[in-house]
Amino acid sequence: MTDIIDPLDSSRQFQFRRRVALSDTDPTGRLRLDACARFLQDVAAFDAIDADISEMGNWVLRQNNIYVSSLPTYGEVVNSKTYLTGSGRAWVERTSLISDISSGAALITARAVWVLTNSTSGAPISVPTSLYEIYGPLALHHKVSIRDAKRQPLPLGASQLEWQTRFSDQDILSHLNNATYLEALEEILHREHIKLEVDQKMTCLVSYRESTSYDDPSDTYFSITKENDAISVAVFFAKNSQVRTSIHLKLDL
């Protein structure tokens, strides 16, 4: 399970409620994994806007470690909450939870690393001390490091997925939107007859090393490993056999 750090009394916390919509679900009515990533992305973005930290530069998602204990379904109202739990020189760690309204139980938890970049050059810049005045000391005292920053070679034996990058998949930075990568994962699960149940326990680690765009697309590859008690699905978005973004999904059986 993804270890979750509880907020301090002094920590800024941002939350809002939303209903799972038709556009968020698969044919069975469960929340799709790309919609799950979108929920987590939205609460982080809305918090950044509300706290006015968007003015510091562009926040770019570097890594998202997601743990799912249960997937909400169509029409269900959930609560999304986020707060900062760590930092490094040019990045912060954001912990987010999607919870059941009635019981308060966390359905989905995530720890994500967001890098602060210059709005013009895109280069990482140091996190200003004013951010910790907004979010409290927890983010300052818990130090977070970034590993595997360089692109890795595409693993041998990975199968290619015919996957088209669409112009409408780009965000305001002209990057393939963070959540869109998981649409490819959903497609692979469907084609490989791997069905996700509502109460499916899983972990999903997404590492973004280099962006993909409509004008600079990536090739998509995947591999599947089946063990006695788990299925692991890896997805790689690569250019010239170098991995730009990877997804590692593990399903408990």
Protein backbone atom coordinates (compact mmCIF):
# COMPACT_ATOMS: atom_id res chain seq x y z
CA MET A 1 0.00 0.00 0.00
CA THR A 2 1.07 3.59 -0.59
CA ASP A 3 2.13 4.96 2.80
CA ILE A 4 0.10 8.05 3.64
CA ILE A 5 1.31 10.84 5.91
CA ASP A 6 -1.48 12.47 7.89
CA PRO A 7 -1.67 16.28 7.81
CA LEU A 8 -0.76 18.40 10.83
CA ASP A 9 -3.27 20.73 12.43
CA SER A 10 -1.30 23.57 10.84
CA SER A 11 -1.34 22.01 7.35
CA ARG A 12 -3.37 23.64 4.62
CA GLN A 13 -5.95 21.17 3.30
CA PHE A 14 -8.09 21.67 0.21
CA GLN A 15 -11.11 19.54 -0.63
CA PHE A 16 -14.30 19.42 -2.66
CA ARG A 17 -17.03 16.97 -3.55
CA ARG A 18 -17.88 15.66 -6.99
CA ARG A 19 -20.10 13.04 -8.57
CA VAL A 20 -18.78 10.26 -10.82
CA ALA A 21 -20.13 11.18 -14.27
CA LEU A 22 -20.90 9.15 -17.38
CA SER A 23 -17.69 10.41 -18.99
CA ASP A 24 -15.68 8.98 -16.06
CA THR A 25 -16.82 5.37 -16.29
CA ASP A 26 -16.35 2.23 -18.37
CA PRO A 27 -19.31 0.17 -19.67
CA THR A 28 -19.65 -1.58 -16.28
CA GLY A 29 -20.05 1.76 -14.49
CA ARG A 30 -16.76 1.75 -12.57
CA LEU A 31 -14.43 4.74 -12.50
CA ARG A 32 -11.81 4.36 -15.23
CA LEU A 33 -8.15 4.67 -14.25
CA ASP A 34 -7.62 7.70 -16.48
CA ALA A 35 -10.61 9.38 -14.80
CA CYS A 36 -9.10 8.47 -11.42
CA ALA A 37 -5.89 10.25 -12.45
CA ARG A 38 -7.98 13.19 -13.64
CA PHE A 39 -9.75 13.43 -10.27
CA LEU A 40 -6.35 13.54 -8.52
CA GLN A 41 -5.03 16.06 -11.04
CA ASP A 42 -8.05 18.31 -10.62
CA VAL A 43 -7.93 18.56 -6.84
CA ALA A 44 -4.21 19.41 -7.03
CA ALA A 45 -4.78 22.04 -9.74
CA PHE A 46 -7.76 23.62 -7.97
CA ASP A 47 -5.78 23.82 -4.74
CA ALA A 48 -2.88 25.50 -6.56
CA ILE A 49 -5.30 28.05 -8.03
CA ASP A 50 -7.06 28.64 -4.70
CA ALA A 51 -3.73 29.04 -2.84
CA ASP A 52 -2.42 31.27 -5.65
CA ILE A 53 0.78 29.22 -6.04
CA SER A 54 0.27 28.93 -9.79
CA GLU A 55 1.92 32.35 -10.02
CA MET A 56 5.21 30.84 -8.82
CA GLY A 57 5.67 29.01 -12.15
CA ASN A 58 4.34 25.92 -13.89
CA TRP A 59 3.85 22.83 -11.75
CA VAL A 60 4.66 19.70 -13.77
CA LEU A 61 3.79 16.21 -12.52
CA ARG A 62 6.90 14.03 -12.24
CA GLN A 63 5.58 10.95 -10.47
CA ASN A 64 2.27 9.66 -9.15
CA ASN A 65 2.02 6.64 -6.86
CA ILE A 66 -1.64 5.60 -6.58
CA TYR A 67 -3.20 2.95 -4.34
CA VAL A 68 -6.77 1.82 -5.01
CA SER A 69 -8.79 -0.09 -2.42
CA SER A 70 -12.09 0.37 -4.26
CA LEU A 71 -13.30 2.13 -7.39
CA PRO A 72 -16.38 4.36 -7.11
CA THR A 73 -19.16 3.90 -9.64
CA TYR A 74 -21.45 6.03 -11.79
CA GLY A 75 -23.47 8.56 -9.82
CA GLU A 76 -21.50 8.10 -6.59
CA VAL A 77 -20.48 11.27 -4.78
CA VAL A 78 -16.90 11.30 -3.49
CA ASN A 79 -14.76 13.75 -1.58
CA SER A 80 -11.36 14.76 -2.97
CA LYS A 81 -8.79 16.14 -0.51
CA THR A 82 -5.16 17.20 -0.94
CA TYR A 83 -2.29 18.63 1.12
CA LEU A 84 1.51 18.86 0.91
CA THR A 85 3.59 16.27 2.74
CA GLY A 86 7.14 16.79 1.51
CA SER A 87 9.51 18.78 -0.67
CA GLY A 88 12.89 19.00 -2.34
CA ARG A 89 14.89 21.73 -4.01
CA ALA A 90 12.51 22.28 -6.94
CA TRP A 91 9.56 20.03 -6.14
CA VAL A 92 6.90 19.19 -3.60
CA GLU A 93 5.12 15.99 -2.63
CA ARG A 94 1.34 16.19 -2.64
CA THR A 95 -0.82 13.61 -0.87
CA SER A 96 -4.39 13.26 -2.15
CA LEU A 97 -7.33 11.11 -1.13
CA ILE A 98 -10.63 10.26 -2.80
CA SER A 99 -13.03 9.14 -0.10
CA ASP A 100 -16.53 7.76 0.32
CA ILE A 101 -18.89 10.49 1.50
CA SER A 102 -20.97 8.38 3.87
CA SER A 103 -18.23 6.39 5.64
CA GLY A 104 -15.26 8.70 5.12
CA ALA A 105 -13.17 5.69 4.06
CA ALA A 106 -10.41 6.39 1.56
CA LEU A 107 -11.13 4.64 -1.75
CA ILE A 108 -8.05 5.96 -3.55
CA THR A 109 -4.88 7.45 -2.08
CA ALA A 110 -1.94 8.95 -3.92
CA ARG A 111 1.44 10.54 -3.32
CA ALA A 112 2.57 12.68 -6.23
CA VAL A 113 5.72 14.69 -6.90
CA TRP A 114 5.22 18.01 -8.71
CA VAL A 115 8.22 19.94 -10.07
CA LEU A 116 8.18 23.74 -10.19
CA THR A 117 9.40 25.01 -13.56
CA ASN A 118 10.07 28.38 -15.14
CA SER A 119 7.00 29.49 -17.12
CA THR A 120 9.16 30.57 -20.07
CA SER A 121 12.08 28.14 -20.26
CA GLY A 122 10.51 25.09 -18.61
CA ALA A 123 13.64 24.58 -16.46
CA PRO A 124 13.18 23.54 -12.80
CA ILE A 125 13.39 26.40 -10.30
CA SER A 126 13.76 26.44 -6.52
CA VAL A 127 10.59 26.29 -4.45
CA PRO A 128 10.15 29.68 -2.72
CA THR A 129 9.92 29.78 1.08
CA SER A 130 6.55 31.52 0.79
CA LEU A 131 5.03 28.18 -0.22
CA TYR A 132 5.73 26.70 3.22
CA GLU A 133 4.08 29.69 4.87
CA ILE A 134 0.95 28.75 2.94
CA TYR A 135 1.02 24.97 3.43
CA GLY A 136 2.65 24.63 6.84
CA PRO A 137 5.89 23.04 8.08
CA LEU A 138 5.14 19.40 7.16
CA ALA A 139 6.15 19.93 3.53
CA LEU A 140 9.37 21.63 4.60
CA HIS A 141 10.49 19.05 7.17
CA HIS A 142 9.79 15.90 5.16
CA LYS A 143 12.47 15.77 2.47
CA VAL A 144 11.68 14.04 -0.83
CA SER A 145 14.20 12.96 -3.47
CA ILE A 146 13.67 12.29 -7.16
CA ARG A 147 15.25 9.18 -8.64
CA ASP A 148 15.52 7.79 -12.15
CA ALA A 149 15.28 11.24 -13.71
CA LYS A 150 16.95 10.10 -16.93
CA ARG A 151 15.19 8.16 -19.65
CA GLN A 152 15.70 4.40 -19.58
CA PRO A 153 15.96 2.05 -22.59
CA LEU A 154 12.82 0.26 -23.71
CA PRO A 155 12.75 -3.23 -22.14
CA LEU A 156 13.32 -6.14 -24.50
CA GLY A 157 10.27 -8.13 -25.49
CA ALA A 158 7.69 -5.38 -24.97
CA SER A 159 4.73 -5.53 -27.38
CA GLN A 160 3.73 -2.45 -29.33
CA LEU A 161 0.28 -0.91 -28.99
CA GLU A 162 -1.11 1.07 -31.89
CA TRP A 163 -1.97 4.27 -30.06
CA GLN A 164 -2.69 7.66 -31.61
CA THR A 165 -1.85 10.91 -29.84
CA ARG A 166 -4.71 13.33 -30.47
CA PHE A 167 -4.46 17.11 -30.58
CA SER A 168 -7.30 17.33 -28.04
CA ASP A 169 -5.26 15.24 -25.54
CA GLN A 170 -2.85 18.13 -24.94
CA ASP A 171 -3.03 20.47 -21.96
CA ILE A 172 -2.22 24.18 -21.65
CA LEU A 173 1.52 23.39 -21.75
CA SER A 174 1.06 21.55 -25.09
CA HIS A 175 1.92 18.28 -23.34
CA LEU A 176 -0.08 15.09 -23.47
CA ASN A 177 -2.27 15.48 -20.39
CA ASN A 178 -1.12 13.42 -17.40
CA ALA A 179 -4.35 11.45 -17.19
CA THR A 180 -4.43 10.59 -20.89
CA TYR A 181 -1.56 8.12 -20.55
CA LEU A 182 -3.83 5.89 -18.48
CA GLU A 183 -6.31 5.69 -21.35
CA ALA A 184 -3.72 3.52 -23.09
CA LEU A 185 -3.53 1.38 -19.95
CA GLU A 186 -7.32 0.92 -19.98
CA GLU A 187 -7.14 -0.08 -23.67
CA ILE A 188 -4.49 -2.70 -22.93
CA LEU A 189 -6.51 -4.14 -20.03
CA HIS A 190 -9.52 -4.49 -22.32
CA ARG A 191 -7.60 -6.07 -25.21
CA GLU A 192 -5.83 -8.50 -22.90
CA HIS A 193 -9.11 -9.48 -21.17
CA ILE A 194 -8.03 -8.22 -17.76
CA LYS A 195 -11.19 -7.09 -16.00
CA LEU A 196 -11.09 -4.67 -13.07
CA GLU A 197 -13.73 -5.21 -10.42
CA VAL A 198 -15.10 -2.39 -8.28
CA ASP A 199 -13.35 -3.77 -5.19
CA GLN A 200 -10.09 -4.48 -7.07
CA LYS A 201 -6.99 -3.77 -4.96
CA MET A 202 -4.18 -2.28 -7.01
CA THR A 203 -1.17 0.00 -7.07
CA CYS A 204 -0.26 2.18 -10.02
CA LEU A 205 3.04 4.04 -10.33
CA VAL A 206 3.29 6.57 -13.16
CA SER A 207 6.69 8.16 -13.86
CA TYR A 208 6.87 11.12 -16.25
CA ARG A 209 10.45 11.74 -17.39
CA GLU A 210 9.88 13.61 -20.65
CA SER A 211 6.75 15.00 -22.23
CA THR A 212 4.89 13.73 -25.27
CA SER A 213 2.92 16.04 -27.55
CA TYR A 214 0.88 15.97 -30.73
CA ASP A 215 3.85 17.24 -32.74
CA ASP A 216 6.36 15.03 -30.89
CA PRO A 217 4.53 11.73 -30.26
CA SER A 218 5.77 8.62 -28.51
CA ASP A 219 5.44 4.97 -29.47
CA THR A 220 3.50 2.89 -26.95
CA TYR A 221 4.56 -0.54 -25.70
CA PHE A 222 3.43 -2.89 -22.94
CA SER A 223 4.28 -6.10 -21.12
CA ILE A 224 2.23 -8.31 -18.80
CA THR A 225 3.53 -10.61 -16.07
CA LYS A 226 1.26 -13.06 -14.27
CA GLU A 227 2.18 -14.52 -10.91
CA ASN A 228 0.25 -16.67 -8.45
CA ASP A 229 -1.28 -13.80 -6.54
CA ALA A 230 -0.86 -10.78 -8.83
CA ILE A 231 -0.87 -9.49 -12.37
CA SER A 232 1.62 -6.76 -13.34
CA VAL A 233 1.06 -4.57 -16.38
CA ALA A 234 3.79 -2.20 -17.59
CA VAL A 235 3.21 0.47 -20.24
CA PHE A 236 6.02 2.42 -21.88
CA PHE A 237 5.80 5.59 -23.96
CA ALA A 238 9.08 5.78 -25.86
CA LYS A 239 10.89 7.60 -28.64
CA ASN A 240 13.91 6.07 -30.36
CA SER A 241 13.66 3.14 -27.90
CA GLN A 242 14.12 5.48 -24.91
CA VAL A 243 11.30 5.55 -22.36
CA ARG A 244 9.77 8.95 -21.73
CA THR A 245 6.90 7.88 -19.46
CA SER A 246 6.11 4.56 -17.80
CA ILE A 247 3.17 3.04 -15.96
CA HIS A 248 3.49 0.06 -13.64
CA LEU A 249 0.19 -1.42 -12.51
CA LYS A 250 -0.02 -4.30 -10.05
CA LEU A 251 -3.34 -6.04 -9.44
CA ASP A 252 -3.87 -8.18 -6.35
CA LEU A 253 -5.73 -11.40 -7.09
